[in-house]
Amino acid sequence: MNRKLVKSAAALAFAAASLGAFASTYDGQCTDKPKSEWKSTADIKAHFETQGYTVGKIKASGTCYEVYAKDKDGKRVELFVNPADASVVGQAGTK
């Protein structure tokens, strides 16, 4: 088998396995505000970057934003954020 293909397959398998660590685990409600009152994802990103996070992806999920980032120590985090006021209402992997 082609050595490049084996390396690519291994990298893909590792990436897929690591995504499981970021599976959505928050089942609460973040806000009752209409989407017209939500902050933009750019505003949310800027908010967390001023706090020392390196923000990767932000996505809307139900009544929350999910913020995928690295904290000041370089540790990956998934934050569940109230999109109306940018407050953190939960974090994947913590209770």
Protein backbone atom coordinates (compact mmCIF):
# COMPACT_ATOMS: atom_id res chain seq x y z
CA MET A 1 0.00 0.00 0.00
CA ASN A 2 1.19 3.51 -0.73
CA ARG A 3 2.99 4.98 2.30
CA LYS A 4 1.33 8.42 1.82
CA LEU A 5 -2.09 6.81 1.72
CA VAL A 6 -1.43 4.93 4.97
CA LYS A 7 -0.25 8.13 6.69
CA SER A 8 -3.28 10.04 5.41
CA ALA A 9 -5.66 7.33 6.58
CA ALA A 10 -4.02 7.27 10.02
CA ALA A 11 -4.24 11.05 10.32
CA LEU A 12 -7.90 11.01 9.29
CA ALA A 13 -8.72 8.29 11.82
CA PHE A 14 -6.96 10.23 14.59
CA ALA A 15 -8.82 13.43 13.68
CA ALA A 16 -12.17 11.64 13.67
CA ALA A 17 -11.47 10.07 17.06
CA SER A 18 -10.49 13.39 18.59
CA LEU A 19 -13.72 15.01 17.40
CA GLY A 20 -15.61 12.79 19.81
CA ALA A 21 -14.09 14.74 22.69
CA PHE A 22 -15.96 17.78 21.44
CA ALA A 23 -19.36 16.19 21.01
CA SER A 24 -22.09 18.52 22.23
CA THR A 25 -23.03 17.70 25.78
CA TYR A 26 -25.00 20.76 26.90
CA ASP A 27 -28.73 20.17 26.94
CA GLY A 28 -29.86 23.36 28.68
CA GLN A 29 -31.23 26.57 27.29
CA CYS A 30 -28.81 29.48 26.84
CA THR A 31 -31.25 32.30 26.10
CA ASP A 32 -34.88 33.05 25.46
CA LYS A 33 -34.03 36.13 23.36
CA PRO A 34 -34.94 36.11 19.65
CA LYS A 35 -32.09 35.66 17.18
CA SER A 36 -32.46 39.30 16.18
CA GLU A 37 -31.02 40.18 19.62
CA TRP A 38 -28.07 37.76 19.44
CA LYS A 39 -24.52 39.06 19.11
CA SER A 40 -22.79 38.19 15.87
CA THR A 41 -20.27 35.35 15.85
CA ALA A 42 -17.59 37.97 15.08
CA ASP A 43 -18.52 39.82 18.30
CA ILE A 44 -18.45 36.57 20.28
CA LYS A 45 -15.05 35.70 18.83
CA ALA A 46 -13.64 39.14 19.71
CA HIS A 47 -15.07 38.85 23.24
CA PHE A 48 -13.29 35.56 23.93
CA GLU A 49 -10.07 36.60 22.23
CA THR A 50 -9.81 39.58 24.59
CA GLN A 51 -9.98 37.02 27.42
CA GLY A 52 -6.98 35.14 26.03
CA TYR A 53 -8.72 32.38 24.08
CA THR A 54 -7.71 31.37 20.57
CA VAL A 55 -11.08 30.88 18.91
CA GLY A 56 -11.43 28.37 16.12
CA LYS A 57 -15.06 27.77 15.23
CA ILE A 58 -18.34 29.17 16.52
CA LYS A 59 -21.64 27.60 15.61
CA ALA A 60 -25.24 28.15 16.58
CA SER A 61 -26.87 25.14 18.20
CA GLY A 62 -30.40 25.50 19.51
CA THR A 63 -30.45 28.54 21.79
CA CYS A 64 -26.66 28.54 22.25
CA TYR A 65 -23.45 29.32 20.49
CA GLU A 66 -20.83 26.59 20.72
CA VAL A 67 -17.37 28.12 20.86
CA TYR A 68 -14.46 25.81 19.99
CA ALA A 69 -11.25 27.36 21.24
CA LYS A 70 -7.96 26.96 23.05
CA ASP A 71 -7.51 28.56 26.45
CA LYS A 72 -4.48 30.55 27.62
CA ASP A 73 -2.63 27.28 28.32
CA GLY A 74 -3.33 25.88 24.84
CA LYS A 75 -5.93 23.39 26.12
CA ARG A 76 -8.86 22.77 23.78
CA VAL A 77 -12.24 23.80 25.19
CA GLU A 78 -15.82 23.77 24.00
CA LEU A 79 -17.88 26.52 25.60
CA PHE A 80 -21.65 26.83 25.51
CA VAL A 81 -22.40 30.52 25.32
CA ASN A 82 -25.47 32.69 25.72
CA PRO A 83 -25.56 34.41 22.31
CA ALA A 84 -27.33 37.49 23.68
CA ASP A 85 -24.73 38.47 26.30
CA ALA A 86 -21.68 36.22 25.60
CA SER A 87 -21.82 34.61 29.05
CA VAL A 88 -20.58 31.03 29.39
CA VAL A 89 -23.42 28.78 30.54
CA GLY A 90 -21.60 25.46 30.23
CA GLN A 91 -18.44 23.72 29.11
CA ALA A 92 -18.02 20.31 27.51
CA GLY A 93 -16.43 17.82 29.85
CA THR A 94 -17.40 19.66 33.03
CA LYS A 95 -20.50 19.44 35.18
